[in-house]
Amino acid sequence: MITRAELEKNILLALNAADGVPMPESALVRGVQVLSRPDAPSISDVLDALKFVESKKYADAASVDLEERSWTLTTAGIHKARKL
């Protein structure tokens, strides 16, 4: 079973790979699931870890007109991701 810390790391890595381009939440969740192989975290596990990453101010989400949220790294998140 994958730990929340590993999920957080994979979230930062996935968003860092996007190089500042906002990533739709569904693509982010799927990317984190792929990075987490051979473990298979559930969508809710990834979303819980994403909320924690957001609470630490490493990532921020935006949505337009009730569309799916898109995520990017904050400045703090970029520095954290570069250390991984």
Protein backbone atom coordinates (compact mmCIF):
# COMPACT_ATOMS: atom_id res chain seq x y z
CA MET A 1 0.00 0.00 0.00
CA ILE A 2 1.29 3.43 -0.93
CA THR A 3 1.68 6.04 1.80
CA ARG A 4 0.25 9.54 1.71
CA ALA A 5 3.79 10.94 1.65
CA GLU A 6 4.51 8.96 -1.52
CA LEU A 7 1.26 10.19 -3.06
CA GLU A 8 2.19 13.77 -2.18
CA LYS A 9 5.58 13.29 -3.83
CA ASN A 10 3.95 11.88 -6.96
CA ILE A 11 1.51 14.80 -7.09
CA LEU A 12 4.41 17.26 -6.96
CA LEU A 13 6.30 15.31 -9.62
CA ALA A 14 3.30 15.18 -11.96
CA LEU A 15 2.57 18.89 -11.62
CA ASN A 16 6.24 19.75 -12.03
CA ALA A 17 6.33 17.74 -15.26
CA ALA A 18 3.51 19.93 -16.58
CA ASP A 19 6.01 22.83 -16.44
CA GLY A 20 3.52 25.46 -15.31
CA VAL A 21 0.69 24.41 -17.62
CA PRO A 22 -2.53 23.91 -15.59
CA MET A 23 -3.35 20.21 -15.35
CA PRO A 24 -7.00 19.09 -15.26
CA GLU A 25 -7.80 17.23 -12.06
CA SER A 26 -8.76 13.99 -13.85
CA ALA A 27 -5.43 13.95 -15.73
CA LEU A 28 -3.55 14.69 -12.52
CA VAL A 29 -5.27 11.87 -10.63
CA ARG A 30 -4.56 9.41 -13.45
CA GLY A 31 -0.95 10.57 -13.71
CA VAL A 32 -0.42 10.08 -9.98
CA GLN A 33 -1.97 6.60 -10.23
CA VAL A 34 0.49 5.74 -13.02
CA LEU A 35 3.46 7.14 -11.07
CA SER A 36 2.35 5.06 -8.07
CA ARG A 37 2.57 1.70 -9.85
CA PRO A 38 2.65 -1.13 -8.87
CA ASP A 39 0.43 0.21 -6.09
CA ALA A 40 -3.02 1.24 -7.18
CA PRO A 41 -4.23 4.16 -5.07
CA SER A 42 -7.91 4.94 -5.33
CA ILE A 43 -9.17 8.22 -6.72
CA SER A 44 -10.23 9.24 -3.22
CA ASP A 45 -6.75 8.48 -1.83
CA VAL A 46 -5.18 10.71 -4.49
CA LEU A 47 -7.73 13.48 -3.90
CA ASP A 48 -7.11 13.33 -0.13
CA ALA A 49 -3.37 13.68 -0.71
CA LEU A 50 -4.06 16.51 -3.16
CA LYS A 51 -6.07 18.37 -0.51
CA PHE A 52 -3.14 17.99 1.88
CA VAL A 53 -0.71 19.32 -0.77
CA GLU A 54 -3.07 22.26 -1.31
CA SER A 55 -3.27 22.91 2.45
CA LYS A 56 0.55 23.12 2.56
CA LYS A 57 0.31 25.77 -0.21
CA TYR A 58 2.30 23.65 -2.67
CA ALA A 59 -0.49 23.55 -5.28
CA ASP A 60 -3.46 25.67 -6.25
CA ALA A 61 -6.59 24.94 -8.26
CA ALA A 62 -8.71 27.08 -10.53
CA SER A 63 -11.93 26.42 -12.39
CA VAL A 64 -13.87 28.39 -14.95
CA ASP A 65 -17.67 28.31 -15.19
CA LEU A 66 -18.10 25.10 -13.17
CA GLU A 67 -15.70 23.19 -15.38
CA GLU A 68 -13.25 20.68 -13.98
CA ARG A 69 -10.59 22.17 -11.72
CA SER A 70 -7.08 22.56 -13.07
CA TRP A 71 -4.03 22.42 -10.85
CA THR A 72 -0.63 24.14 -10.88
CA LEU A 73 2.27 24.31 -8.49
CA THR A 74 2.75 27.41 -6.38
CA THR A 75 6.20 28.94 -6.00
CA ALA A 76 6.66 26.92 -2.81
CA GLY A 77 5.53 23.79 -4.65
CA ILE A 78 8.02 24.37 -7.45
CA HIS A 79 10.87 24.62 -4.93
CA LYS A 80 9.66 21.50 -3.11
CA ALA A 81 9.28 19.52 -6.35
CA ARG A 82 12.79 20.47 -7.51
CA LYS A 83 14.20 18.95 -4.32
CA LEU A 84 12.66 15.55 -5.08
